[in-house]
């Protein structure tokens, strides 16, 4: 019988020495924890902040997470804390967010394409608008000067909102500006009473509905399609919503290229490196905050209430990767969703597969990456302050860039980026999984992205 011997340390031989070591080390640990610094966000302008979403949770669970790389010391995270406030671009004011929430909508004709930025929003807008164009039996091509922003504008842009007719009339009659002092609150105020929301008018969009009962003549009614990056509590409660999810690091790389091609930091642009952007993206100091918080707000809310918009027929979840793999299948799902007017309760509209297939066959050819790249002038946002190449008069970076899957993983494989992968796997994804479970996000979503 062979015995392996080793020399006992002083602390192992003497229990009192263990106590002395603990007393000496513990203050250093506490000092390390208390000396944490907030992440540096000097490379972007301090954005305005919209109201946070309170999440109702019964118990108080605290999870201790290990340090991620050398970025932070050991610290405590309370997974029951409310979601943090969401930074928004300078083109969105708090008054506009109030108006966004107060707009009266009809699920039968108003559709919201919702997402964290760069999750396939423009792609899906194009599909939705073209499907509605076909559904309304507009048996003619879209106008030569058509632009996607005409039919599916960015919902929360200040320039697309205006005072109500009543406000304008009172101003013309010499009553002066309407007193809106009750709405003069600081950016980031939470728990706002919806009764205090601004009632403003939304400029119309241009997707006319054909009147099938009157010889197919156009009516004054219009389909309205909006794209938005707001959270569900900042939208009308009965909105018909399509929500998109994409791999977080594919989102991050695409978002970096998007913001780095803005004209200036003051306009919402970014002038740092991709590495710096990734750190701010993970810290939640970039516009629209953390990717995982946006998903929790939408899919946790959706799980708790059957739908984020108040009814299961008013909510459709799409995945960017599924659209890349089978665009026809996902377009067909979208068509069926749009044909359900949302007023049928539990009885979904029965639509013949043959009709859906016809819609898909007419729409999909215009919605491939190649087709959109060839007509990029129809899809580049009109209100974005792009950097312009003085030689060509065009943006330096085309808006329809790559449309690929895997850019994020390629970034994480680089030696300089390994710390971000380590942090995500061992820290951020661990916390997100705990929060998503607590918010009752569907297990399939959790396993897919975390």
Protein backbone atom coordinates (compact mmCIF):
# COMPACT_ATOMS: atom_id res chain seq x y z
CA UNK A 1 0.00 0.00 0.00
CA UNK A 2 1.47 3.30 -1.07
CA UNK A 3 0.63 6.43 0.77
CA UNK A 4 1.00 9.88 -0.73
CA UNK A 5 2.19 12.37 1.82
CA UNK A 6 2.28 16.14 1.69
CA UNK A 7 3.40 18.82 4.05
CA UNK A 8 0.55 20.52 5.89
CA UNK A 9 0.45 24.28 5.66
CA UNK A 10 0.58 26.40 8.76
CA UNK A 11 -3.13 27.25 8.45
CA UNK A 12 -4.05 23.57 8.20
CA UNK A 13 -2.06 22.69 11.32
CA UNK A 14 -3.31 25.59 13.36
CA UNK A 15 -7.08 26.50 13.25
CA UNK A 16 -6.35 29.84 14.89
CA UNK A 17 -4.16 30.81 11.95
CA UNK A 18 -7.15 30.24 9.60
CA UNK A 19 -9.15 32.78 11.59
CA UNK A 20 -6.32 35.32 11.49
CA UNK A 21 -5.98 34.93 7.70
CA UNK A 22 -9.73 35.40 7.24
CA UNK A 23 -9.67 38.61 9.28
CA UNK A 24 -6.77 39.94 7.19
CA UNK A 25 -8.23 39.04 3.76
CA UNK A 26 -11.91 39.93 4.22
CA UNK A 27 -11.44 43.75 4.39
CA UNK A 28 -9.54 43.61 1.08
CA UNK A 29 -12.44 41.76 -0.58
CA UNK A 30 -14.96 44.27 0.77
CA UNK A 31 -12.79 47.17 -0.38
CA UNK A 32 -12.57 45.62 -3.85
CA UNK A 33 -16.34 45.29 -4.07
CA UNK A 34 -17.03 48.83 -2.84
CA UNK A 35 -14.45 50.32 -5.21
CA UNK A 36 -16.27 49.28 -8.39
CA UNK A 37 -16.46 51.95 -11.05
CA UNK A 38 -19.28 52.56 -13.51
CA UNK A 39 -18.39 51.71 -17.12
CA UNK A 40 -16.97 54.53 -19.18
CA UNK A 41 -19.48 55.77 -21.74
CA UNK A 42 -17.67 58.91 -22.81
CA UNK A 43 -17.72 57.91 -26.47
CA UNK A 44 -21.46 58.55 -26.81
CA UNK A 45 -23.62 61.51 -25.92
CA UNK A 46 -25.75 60.98 -22.84
CA UNK A 47 -29.01 59.78 -24.39
CA UNK A 48 -32.47 60.63 -23.24
CA UNK A 49 -34.09 57.88 -21.22
CA UNK A 50 -37.59 56.50 -21.34
CA UNK A 51 -39.60 55.07 -18.49
CA UNK A 52 -38.54 51.76 -17.00
CA UNK A 53 -40.82 48.73 -16.92
CA UNK A 54 -41.71 47.44 -13.45
CA UNK A 55 -41.70 43.64 -13.36
CA UNK A 56 -43.91 42.11 -10.67
CA UNK A 57 -42.02 39.47 -8.73
CA UNK A 58 -43.08 37.90 -5.47
CA UNK A 59 -39.85 36.66 -3.93
CA UNK A 60 -36.45 38.24 -3.51
CA UNK A 61 -33.77 35.97 -4.93
CA UNK A 62 -30.17 37.06 -5.01
CA UNK A 63 -27.59 35.27 -7.11
CA UNK A 64 -23.84 35.64 -6.66
CA UNK A 65 -21.95 35.63 -9.92
CA UNK A 66 -18.24 35.01 -10.48
CA UNK A 67 -16.00 37.72 -11.93
CA UNK A 68 -16.07 37.90 -15.73
CA UNK A 69 -12.48 37.96 -16.98
CA UNK A 70 -10.76 40.86 -15.28
CA UNK A 71 -13.54 43.34 -15.96
CA UNK A 72 -15.28 43.31 -12.59
CA UNK A 73 -14.70 41.88 -9.12
CA UNK A 74 -17.06 39.44 -7.43
CA UNK A 75 -20.42 41.11 -6.92
CA UNK A 76 -24.04 40.51 -6.04
CA UNK A 77 -26.86 40.73 -8.57
CA UNK A 78 -30.51 40.87 -7.60
CA UNK A 79 -32.46 39.23 -10.41
CA UNK A 80 -35.67 40.72 -9.02
CA UNK A 81 -34.63 44.32 -9.65
CA UNK A 82 -36.79 46.13 -12.23
CA UNK A 83 -35.38 46.40 -15.71
CA UNK A 84 -33.16 49.48 -16.00
CA UNK A 85 -34.23 52.56 -17.92
CA UNK A 86 -33.76 52.30 -21.67
CA UNK A 87 -31.62 54.93 -23.44
CA UNK A 88 -33.06 56.17 -26.74
CA UNK A 89 -31.67 58.13 -29.68
CA UNK A 90 -31.70 61.96 -29.61
CA UNK A 91 -34.49 61.94 -32.24
CA UNK A 92 -36.96 60.68 -29.59
CA UNK A 93 -38.23 62.99 -26.86
CA UNK A 94 -40.18 62.02 -23.76
CA UNK A 95 -43.22 63.85 -25.11
CA UNK A 96 -43.12 61.69 -28.23
CA UNK A 97 -42.94 58.52 -26.12
CA UNK A 98 -46.10 59.68 -24.35
CA UNK A 99 -47.76 60.22 -27.72
CA UNK A 100 -46.61 56.79 -28.90
CA UNK A 101 -48.36 55.17 -25.96
CA UNK A 102 -51.55 57.21 -26.35
CA UNK A 103 -52.17 56.71 -30.09
CA UNK A 104 -55.49 55.02 -30.82
CA UNK A 105 -54.95 51.93 -32.95
CA UNK A 106 -57.00 49.22 -34.61
CA UNK A 107 -55.52 45.70 -34.76
CA UNK A 108 -57.29 45.18 -38.09
CA UNK A 109 -55.27 47.90 -39.83
CA UNK A 110 -52.34 48.92 -37.61
CA UNK A 111 -49.22 46.75 -37.41
CA UNK A 112 -46.07 47.35 -35.34
CA UNK A 113 -42.77 45.75 -36.36
CA UNK A 114 -40.89 45.68 -33.05
CA UNK A 115 -37.32 44.74 -32.20
CA UNK A 116 -34.03 45.57 -30.60
CA UNK A 117 -32.13 47.47 -33.33
CA UNK A 118 -30.54 45.52 -36.20
CA UNK A 119 -32.62 42.39 -35.69
CA UNK A 120 -34.11 42.34 -39.18
CA UNK A 121 -36.48 45.27 -38.73
CA UNK A 122 -36.20 46.79 -42.21
CA UNK A 123 -36.37 43.36 -43.82
CA UNK A 124 -39.59 42.52 -41.98
CA UNK A 125 -41.10 45.96 -42.66
CA UNK A 126 -40.60 45.37 -46.36
CA UNK A 127 -42.32 41.97 -46.17
CA UNK A 128 -45.24 43.33 -44.12
CA UNK A 129 -45.84 46.34 -46.37
CA UNK A 130 -45.70 44.28 -49.56
CA UNK A 131 -48.03 41.64 -48.10
CA UNK A 132 -50.56 44.32 -47.15
CA UNK A 133 -50.23 45.84 -50.61
CA UNK A 134 -51.15 42.46 -52.12
CA UNK A 135 -53.83 41.65 -49.52
CA UNK A 136 -55.59 44.93 -50.29
CA UNK A 137 -55.68 43.88 -53.98
CA UNK A 138 -53.65 46.78 -55.24
CA UNK A 139 -53.18 45.14 -58.63
CA UNK A 140 -50.40 47.45 -59.67
CA UNK A 141 -46.74 47.85 -58.73
CA UNK A 142 -45.63 50.17 -55.97
CA UNK A 143 -45.06 53.75 -57.21
CA UNK A 144 -41.69 54.54 -58.79
CA UNK A 145 -40.88 57.01 -56.01
CA UNK A 146 -41.99 54.64 -53.24
CA UNK A 147 -39.79 54.46 -50.15
CA UNK A 148 -40.25 52.09 -47.22
CA UNK A 149 -40.35 55.02 -44.79
CA UNK A 150 -43.52 56.25 -46.51
CA UNK A 151 -45.37 53.04 -45.68
CA UNK A 152 -43.61 51.99 -42.46
CA UNK A 153 -42.03 55.00 -40.73
CA UNK A 154 -39.98 54.91 -37.54
CA UNK A 155 -42.68 55.25 -34.89
CA UNK A 156 -40.88 57.24 -32.19
CA UNK A 157 -39.21 59.95 -34.30
CA UNK A 158 -40.15 63.44 -33.10
CA UNK A 159 -40.49 64.80 -36.65
CA UNK A 160 -43.33 62.39 -37.44
CA UNK A 161 -45.55 63.79 -34.68
CA UNK A 162 -47.41 67.09 -34.56
CA UNK A 163 -49.80 68.90 -32.19
CA UNK A 164 -53.43 67.89 -32.39
CA UNK A 165 -55.91 69.81 -34.54
CA UNK A 166 -57.35 71.31 -31.35
CA UNK A 167 -53.93 72.58 -30.29
CA UNK A 168 -53.29 74.13 -33.69
CA UNK A 169 -56.73 75.79 -33.75
CA UNK A 170 -56.20 77.29 -30.32
CA UNK A 171 -52.80 78.60 -31.38
CA UNK A 172 -54.33 80.16 -34.52
CA UNK A 173 -57.05 81.78 -32.39
CA UNK A 174 -54.41 83.47 -30.28
CA UNK A 175 -54.67 81.24 -27.26
CA UNK A 176 -50.94 80.67 -27.37
CA UNK A 177 -49.25 77.40 -26.62
CA UNK A 178 -51.23 74.74 -24.82
CA UNK A 179 -50.21 74.29 -21.21
CA UNK A 180 -48.48 70.95 -21.03
CA UNK A 181 -46.74 71.61 -17.73
CA UNK A 182 -48.01 68.32 -16.34
CA UNK A 183 -45.78 66.62 -18.90
CA UNK A 184 -42.64 68.58 -18.12
CA UNK A 185 -40.88 65.74 -16.36
CA UNK A 186 -37.24 64.78 -16.37
CA UNK A 187 -36.05 62.10 -18.76
CA UNK A 188 -36.22 58.74 -17.11
CA UNK A 189 -39.22 59.29 -14.85
CA UNK A 190 -40.96 55.99 -14.21
CA UNK A 191 -44.44 54.84 -13.20
CA UNK A 192 -46.06 57.54 -15.35
CA UNK A 193 -49.84 57.66 -15.28
CA UNK A 194 -51.08 56.75 -18.78
CA UNK A 195 -53.85 59.33 -18.34
CA UNK A 196 -51.14 62.00 -18.56
CA UNK A 197 -49.94 60.84 -21.97
CA UNK A 198 -49.74 63.40 -24.76
CA UNK A 199 -52.45 63.16 -27.39
CA UNK A 200 -50.70 64.10 -30.63
CA UNK A 201 -51.45 63.37 -34.26
CA UNK A 202 -49.37 60.93 -36.27
CA UNK A 203 -48.58 61.84 -39.85
CA UNK A 204 -50.34 59.39 -42.20
CA UNK A 205 -48.68 56.50 -43.99
CA UNK A 206 -49.33 55.52 -47.58
CA UNK A 207 -50.72 52.00 -47.89
CA UNK A 208 -54.34 52.45 -49.08
CA UNK A 209 -56.96 49.80 -48.39
CA UNK A 210 -59.21 48.75 -51.24
CA UNK A 211 -62.93 48.65 -50.51
CA UNK A 212 -63.89 45.16 -51.70
CA UNK A 213 -67.60 45.84 -51.25
CA UNK A 214 -67.58 48.90 -53.48
CA UNK A 215 -66.01 47.77 -56.71
CA UNK A 216 -62.48 47.79 -55.36
CA UNK A 217 -62.27 51.57 -55.14
CA UNK A 218 -59.85 53.05 -52.66
CA UNK A 219 -61.19 54.24 -49.34
CA UNK A 220 -59.80 56.97 -47.14
CA UNK A 221 -58.80 54.32 -44.62
CA UNK A 222 -55.18 53.21 -44.66
CA UNK A 223 -53.13 50.38 -43.31
CA UNK A 224 -50.57 51.77 -40.92
CA UNK A 225 -47.28 49.98 -40.39
CA UNK A 226 -44.72 51.31 -37.91
CA UNK A 227 -41.29 50.10 -36.93
CA UNK A 228 -40.25 50.65 -33.34
CA UNK A 229 -37.56 49.80 -30.81
CA UNK A 230 -39.69 50.82 -27.83
CA UNK A 231 -40.64 48.41 -25.07
CA UNK A 232 -44.20 47.08 -24.88
CA UNK A 233 -45.33 49.38 -22.07
CA UNK A 234 -44.49 52.34 -24.33
CA UNK A 235 -46.90 51.26 -27.09
CA UNK A 236 -50.70 51.32 -27.30
CA UNK A 237 -52.07 48.43 -25.21
CA UNK A 238 -54.01 46.75 -28.03
CA UNK A 239 -51.35 47.05 -30.74
CA UNK A 240 -50.84 44.22 -33.25
CA UNK A 241 -47.14 43.42 -32.97
CA UNK A 242 -44.53 41.40 -34.82
CA UNK A 243 -41.46 40.94 -32.59
CA UNK A 244 -38.06 39.99 -34.00
CA UNK A 245 -35.15 38.30 -32.24
CA UNK A 246 -31.61 37.88 -33.59
CA UNK A 247 -28.36 36.51 -32.16
CA UNK A 248 -27.03 39.19 -29.77
CA UNK A 249 -23.52 39.40 -31.17
CA UNK A 250 -24.72 39.51 -34.78
CA UNK A 251 -26.89 42.40 -33.59
CA UNK A 252 -23.92 44.04 -31.90
CA UNK A 253 -21.67 43.98 -34.99
CA UNK A 254 -24.46 45.29 -37.23
CA UNK A 255 -25.43 48.01 -34.73
CA UNK A 256 -21.82 49.17 -34.54
CA UNK A 257 -21.61 49.61 -38.32
CA UNK A 258 -24.96 51.40 -38.29
CA UNK A 259 -24.10 53.98 -35.61
CA UNK A 260 -20.49 54.46 -36.72
CA UNK A 261 -21.80 55.74 -40.06
CA UNK A 262 -23.85 58.51 -38.47
CA UNK A 263 -22.58 62.00 -39.19
CA UNK A 264 -21.76 62.91 -35.59
CA UNK A 265 -21.89 61.70 -32.01
CA UNK A 266 -24.38 64.48 -31.27
CA UNK A 267 -26.79 62.89 -33.76
CA UNK A 268 -26.51 59.52 -32.03
CA UNK A 269 -23.44 58.25 -33.85
CA UNK A 270 -20.52 56.29 -32.43
CA UNK A 271 -16.84 57.15 -32.90
CA UNK A 272 -15.13 54.36 -30.95
CA UNK A 273 -13.76 50.99 -32.02
CA UNK A 274 -15.74 47.77 -32.40
CA UNK A 275 -14.07 46.46 -29.23
CA UNK A 276 -15.16 49.55 -27.29
CA UNK A 277 -18.66 49.32 -28.72
CA UNK A 278 -18.94 45.68 -27.66
CA UNK A 279 -18.08 46.57 -24.08
CA UNK A 280 -20.70 49.34 -24.01
CA UNK A 281 -23.23 47.04 -25.68
CA UNK A 282 -22.71 44.46 -22.93
CA UNK A 283 -22.78 47.12 -20.21
CA UNK A 284 -26.07 48.50 -21.54
CA UNK A 285 -24.70 52.04 -21.94
CA UNK A 286 -25.38 52.13 -25.69
CA UNK A 287 -28.72 53.25 -27.14
CA UNK A 288 -31.62 50.91 -26.27
CA UNK A 289 -29.67 49.31 -23.44
CA UNK A 290 -28.91 45.63 -23.08
CA UNK A 291 -30.17 43.21 -25.72
CA UNK A 292 -31.28 40.72 -23.05
CA UNK A 293 -33.33 43.38 -21.22
CA UNK A 294 -35.26 44.15 -24.41
CA UNK A 295 -36.03 40.45 -24.92
CA UNK A 296 -37.16 40.09 -21.31
CA UNK A 297 -39.44 43.12 -21.58
CA UNK A 298 -41.15 41.72 -24.66
CA UNK A 299 -41.16 37.97 -24.20
CA UNK A 300 -41.54 37.97 -20.43
CA UNK A 301 -44.50 40.31 -20.82
CA UNK A 302 -45.84 38.16 -23.63
CA UNK A 303 -45.61 34.99 -21.54
CA UNK A 304 -47.39 36.58 -18.59
CA UNK A 305 -50.26 38.15 -20.51
CA UNK A 306 -50.74 35.70 -23.42
CA UNK A 307 -49.52 38.52 -25.65
CA UNK A 308 -47.57 41.71 -25.20
CA UNK A 309 -50.36 43.49 -27.01
CA UNK A 310 -53.39 42.15 -25.21
CA UNK A 311 -54.45 39.07 -27.19
CA UNK A 312 -52.77 35.98 -28.57
CA UNK A 313 -53.89 36.78 -32.14
CA UNK A 314 -52.13 40.15 -31.90
CA UNK A 315 -48.58 38.89 -31.38
CA UNK A 316 -46.17 37.05 -33.68
CA UNK A 317 -42.58 36.12 -32.82
CA UNK A 318 -40.04 35.79 -35.63
CA UNK A 319 -36.37 34.80 -35.55
CA UNK A 320 -33.87 36.35 -37.95
CA UNK A 321 -32.09 33.04 -38.43
CA UNK A 322 -35.35 31.27 -39.36
CA UNK A 323 -36.05 33.94 -41.96
CA UNK A 324 -32.59 33.38 -43.45
CA UNK A 325 -33.13 29.62 -43.54
CA UNK A 326 -36.63 29.63 -45.04
CA UNK A 327 -37.95 33.03 -46.09
CA UNK A 328 -41.01 31.55 -47.83
CA UNK A 329 -42.14 29.72 -44.69
CA UNK A 330 -41.75 32.75 -42.41
CA UNK A 331 -43.41 35.06 -44.94
CA UNK A 332 -46.37 32.69 -45.04
CA UNK A 333 -46.62 32.86 -41.24
CA UNK A 334 -46.60 36.64 -41.49
CA UNK A 335 -49.31 36.65 -44.15
CA UNK A 336 -51.59 34.44 -42.05
CA UNK A 337 -50.98 36.68 -39.04
CA UNK A 338 -51.83 39.84 -40.98
CA UNK A 339 -55.03 38.35 -42.35
CA UNK A 340 -56.27 37.78 -38.81
CA UNK A 341 -57.88 41.10 -37.90
CA UNK A 342 -57.33 40.55 -34.19
CA UNK A 343 -61.01 40.87 -33.30
CA UNK A 344 -61.89 37.20 -33.33
CA UNK A 345 -60.89 36.22 -29.82
CA UNK A 346 -59.84 32.59 -29.81
CA UNK A 347 -61.13 31.94 -33.34
CA UNK A 348 -58.31 32.57 -35.78
CA UNK A 349 -59.25 33.39 -39.34
CA UNK A 350 -59.17 30.33 -41.59
CA UNK A 351 -57.18 31.16 -44.71
CA UNK A 352 -56.70 28.83 -47.64
CA UNK A 353 -53.12 27.68 -48.11
CA UNK A 354 -53.37 28.29 -51.84
CA UNK A 355 -54.12 31.98 -51.29
CA UNK A 356 -51.25 32.29 -48.82
CA UNK A 357 -48.90 30.62 -51.28
CA UNK A 358 -49.95 33.10 -53.97
CA UNK A 359 -49.19 36.02 -51.67
CA UNK A 360 -45.79 34.57 -50.78
CA UNK A 361 -44.88 33.97 -54.42
CA UNK A 362 -45.57 37.62 -55.27
CA UNK A 363 -43.83 39.13 -52.25
CA UNK A 364 -40.70 37.07 -51.55
CA UNK A 365 -38.84 37.96 -54.79
CA UNK A 366 -38.80 41.61 -53.64
CA UNK A 367 -37.60 40.74 -50.13
CA UNK A 368 -34.43 38.70 -50.66
CA UNK A 369 -31.13 40.26 -49.63
CA UNK A 370 -30.04 40.53 -53.27
CA UNK A 371 -33.25 42.28 -54.31
CA UNK A 372 -33.12 44.76 -51.43
CA UNK A 373 -29.43 45.43 -52.04
CA UNK A 374 -30.22 46.33 -55.65
CA UNK A 375 -32.84 48.86 -54.51
CA UNK A 376 -31.12 50.04 -51.35
CA UNK A 377 -32.32 53.62 -52.01
CA UNK A 378 -35.85 52.44 -51.14
CA UNK A 379 -34.81 51.14 -47.72
CA UNK A 380 -32.14 53.47 -46.33
CA UNK A 381 -33.81 55.43 -43.48
CA UNK A 382 -34.64 58.96 -44.58
CA UNK A 383 -34.21 60.59 -41.16
CA UNK A 384 -30.83 59.07 -40.27
CA UNK A 385 -27.93 61.59 -40.33
CA UNK A 386 -25.55 59.52 -42.47
CA UNK A 387 -21.96 60.42 -43.23
CA UNK A 388 -21.80 61.42 -46.88
CA UNK A 389 -18.96 60.69 -49.27
CA UNK A 390 -18.28 64.08 -50.95
CA UNK A 391 -17.16 62.35 -54.17
CA UNK A 392 -20.31 60.28 -54.67
CA UNK A 393 -22.85 62.19 -52.60
CA UNK A 394 -23.93 58.86 -51.10
CA UNK A 395 -23.51 57.36 -47.60
CA UNK A 396 -20.09 55.81 -46.97
CA UNK A 397 -21.68 52.54 -45.88
CA UNK A 398 -24.77 51.19 -47.60
CA UNK A 399 -27.64 50.49 -45.23
CA UNK A 400 -28.27 46.95 -46.54
CA UNK A 401 -24.78 45.75 -45.56
CA UNK A 402 -24.41 41.94 -45.33
CA UNK A 403 -27.58 40.39 -43.97
CA UNK A 404 -25.62 37.38 -42.75
CA UNK A 405 -25.63 35.02 -39.80
CA UNK A 406 -22.40 34.51 -37.83
CA UNK A 407 -20.65 37.91 -37.84
CA UNK A 408 -20.87 38.00 -34.06
CA UNK A 409 -19.35 34.56 -33.60
CA UNK A 410 -16.52 35.49 -35.96
CA UNK A 411 -15.85 38.59 -33.84
CA UNK A 412 -15.79 36.55 -30.62
CA UNK A 413 -13.24 34.11 -32.06
CA UNK A 414 -10.62 36.84 -32.35
CA UNK A 415 -7.97 36.83 -29.63
CA UNK A 416 -8.72 40.44 -28.70
CA UNK A 417 -12.39 39.57 -28.21
CA UNK A 418 -12.02 36.45 -26.09
CA UNK A 419 -12.74 38.38 -22.90
CA UNK A 420 -16.21 39.26 -24.23
CA UNK A 421 -17.03 35.64 -24.98
CA UNK A 422 -15.81 34.63 -21.52
CA UNK A 423 -17.87 37.37 -19.91
CA UNK A 424 -21.02 36.42 -21.85
CA UNK A 425 -20.79 32.69 -21.11
CA UNK A 426 -19.78 32.98 -17.45
CA UNK A 427 -21.59 36.13 -16.41
CA UNK A 428 -24.11 37.98 -18.59
CA UNK A 429 -25.86 34.90 -19.99
CA UNK A 430 -26.03 33.38 -16.49
CA UNK A 431 -27.83 36.43 -15.13
CA UNK A 432 -30.06 36.71 -18.21
CA UNK A 433 -31.08 33.05 -17.88
CA UNK A 434 -32.05 33.59 -14.23
CA UNK A 435 -34.04 36.73 -15.08
CA UNK A 436 -35.74 35.21 -18.12
CA UNK A 437 -36.74 32.17 -16.10
CA UNK A 438 -38.13 34.44 -13.42
CA UNK A 439 -40.04 36.46 -16.06
CA UNK A 440 -41.39 33.21 -17.57
CA UNK A 441 -39.78 33.59 -20.95
CA UNK A 442 -40.41 30.42 -22.94
CA UNK A 443 -37.79 27.74 -22.25
CA UNK A 444 -37.16 27.21 -25.96
CA UNK A 445 -36.17 30.88 -26.30
CA UNK A 446 -33.87 30.66 -23.29
CA UNK A 447 -32.12 27.56 -24.59
CA UNK A 448 -31.81 28.99 -28.08
CA UNK A 449 -30.09 32.24 -27.14
CA UNK A 450 -28.50 31.62 -23.74
